[in-house]
Amino acid sequence: MNKYEINIYEQIARNIRKYRKEAGITQAVLAERIGVSHEFIRRIESKKGAKTFSVDTIWKASLALDVEPGKLFEINMDEVVNQ
């Protein structure tokens, strides 16, 4: 797989989950902080769920997780290849 074949929604979802866990907060807490439902966060982080969310959601998630927005777009090729 090359970098142009990566589904950016899935990568952002992995990063949201990663930084949420690092922050030690639940999906429910993250949802409350950014003003969406717990179910919406669950769907974002689900490996099976369809990934559609707005730039606004990404921005709010980065604020709630106290990470730079660009961190949510980072791609770890080793992680992607070894899925």
Protein backbone atom coordinates (compact mmCIF):
# COMPACT_ATOMS: atom_id res chain seq x y z
CA MET A 1 0.00 0.00 0.00
CA ASN A 2 1.30 3.44 -0.81
CA LYS A 3 0.44 6.72 0.85
CA TYR A 4 -2.11 7.60 -1.85
CA GLU A 5 -4.19 4.51 -1.10
CA ILE A 6 -4.67 5.30 2.58
CA ASN A 7 -8.18 6.13 3.73
CA ILE A 8 -7.61 9.39 5.60
CA TYR A 9 -10.85 9.01 7.56
CA GLU A 10 -9.63 5.68 8.97
CA GLN A 11 -6.26 7.21 9.83
CA ILE A 12 -7.86 10.16 11.62
CA ALA A 13 -10.13 7.72 13.47
CA ARG A 14 -7.10 5.68 14.62
CA ASN A 15 -5.40 8.85 15.80
CA ILE A 16 -8.47 10.10 17.65
CA ARG A 17 -8.67 6.77 19.46
CA LYS A 18 -4.93 6.79 20.18
CA TYR A 19 -4.89 10.30 21.64
CA ARG A 20 -8.14 9.74 23.52
CA LYS A 21 -6.65 6.69 25.22
CA GLU A 22 -3.41 8.59 25.94
CA ALA A 23 -5.51 11.33 27.54
CA GLY A 24 -7.22 8.69 29.67
CA ILE A 25 -10.75 9.70 28.72
CA THR A 26 -13.71 7.65 27.58
CA GLN A 27 -15.61 7.99 24.34
CA ALA A 28 -18.47 9.48 26.35
CA VAL A 29 -16.24 12.18 27.82
CA LEU A 30 -14.78 13.05 24.41
CA ALA A 31 -18.29 13.19 22.94
CA GLU A 32 -19.45 15.54 25.67
CA ARG A 33 -16.43 17.81 25.19
CA ILE A 34 -16.99 18.22 21.47
CA GLY A 35 -20.78 18.27 21.54
CA VAL A 36 -21.63 15.05 19.74
CA SER A 37 -23.21 11.80 20.84
CA HIS A 38 -21.29 8.92 22.37
CA GLU A 39 -22.61 6.80 19.49
CA PHE A 40 -21.00 9.20 16.99
CA ILE A 41 -17.58 8.79 18.64
CA ARG A 42 -18.08 5.04 18.80
CA ARG A 43 -18.81 4.96 15.05
CA ILE A 44 -15.78 7.14 14.28
CA GLU A 45 -13.48 4.81 16.20
CA SER A 46 -15.09 1.59 14.97
CA LYS A 47 -13.07 -0.42 12.47
CA LYS A 48 -16.32 -1.48 10.78
CA GLY A 49 -18.11 1.86 10.78
CA ALA A 50 -18.32 4.24 7.86
CA LYS A 51 -16.06 7.21 8.42
CA THR A 52 -17.63 10.56 7.65
CA PHE A 53 -17.03 13.55 9.83
CA SER A 54 -16.36 17.21 9.29
CA VAL A 55 -13.29 19.37 9.60
CA ASP A 56 -15.14 21.05 12.47
CA THR A 57 -15.31 17.70 14.28
CA ILE A 58 -11.59 17.14 13.73
CA TRP A 59 -10.84 20.62 15.05
CA LYS A 60 -12.99 20.14 18.15
CA ALA A 61 -11.49 16.70 18.79
CA SER A 62 -7.98 18.14 18.62
CA LEU A 63 -8.94 20.83 21.14
CA ALA A 64 -10.62 18.30 23.46
CA LEU A 65 -7.60 15.99 23.26
CA ASP A 66 -5.11 18.86 23.59
CA VAL A 67 -3.20 17.90 20.44
CA GLU A 68 -2.33 19.90 17.36
CA PRO A 69 -4.89 19.25 14.59
CA GLY A 70 -2.12 17.99 12.31
CA LYS A 71 -1.42 15.15 14.74
CA LEU A 72 -4.78 13.65 13.81
CA PHE A 73 -3.66 13.46 10.18
CA GLU A 74 -0.32 11.75 10.86
CA ILE A 75 0.22 8.46 9.09
CA ASN A 76 2.30 5.64 10.57
CA MET A 77 3.02 3.50 7.49
CA ASP A 78 4.17 0.56 9.62
CA GLU A 79 0.83 0.59 11.41
CA VAL A 80 -1.11 0.84 8.14
CA VAL A 81 0.80 -1.97 6.43
CA ASN A 82 0.56 -4.31 9.43
CA GLN A 83 -3.21 -3.97 9.97
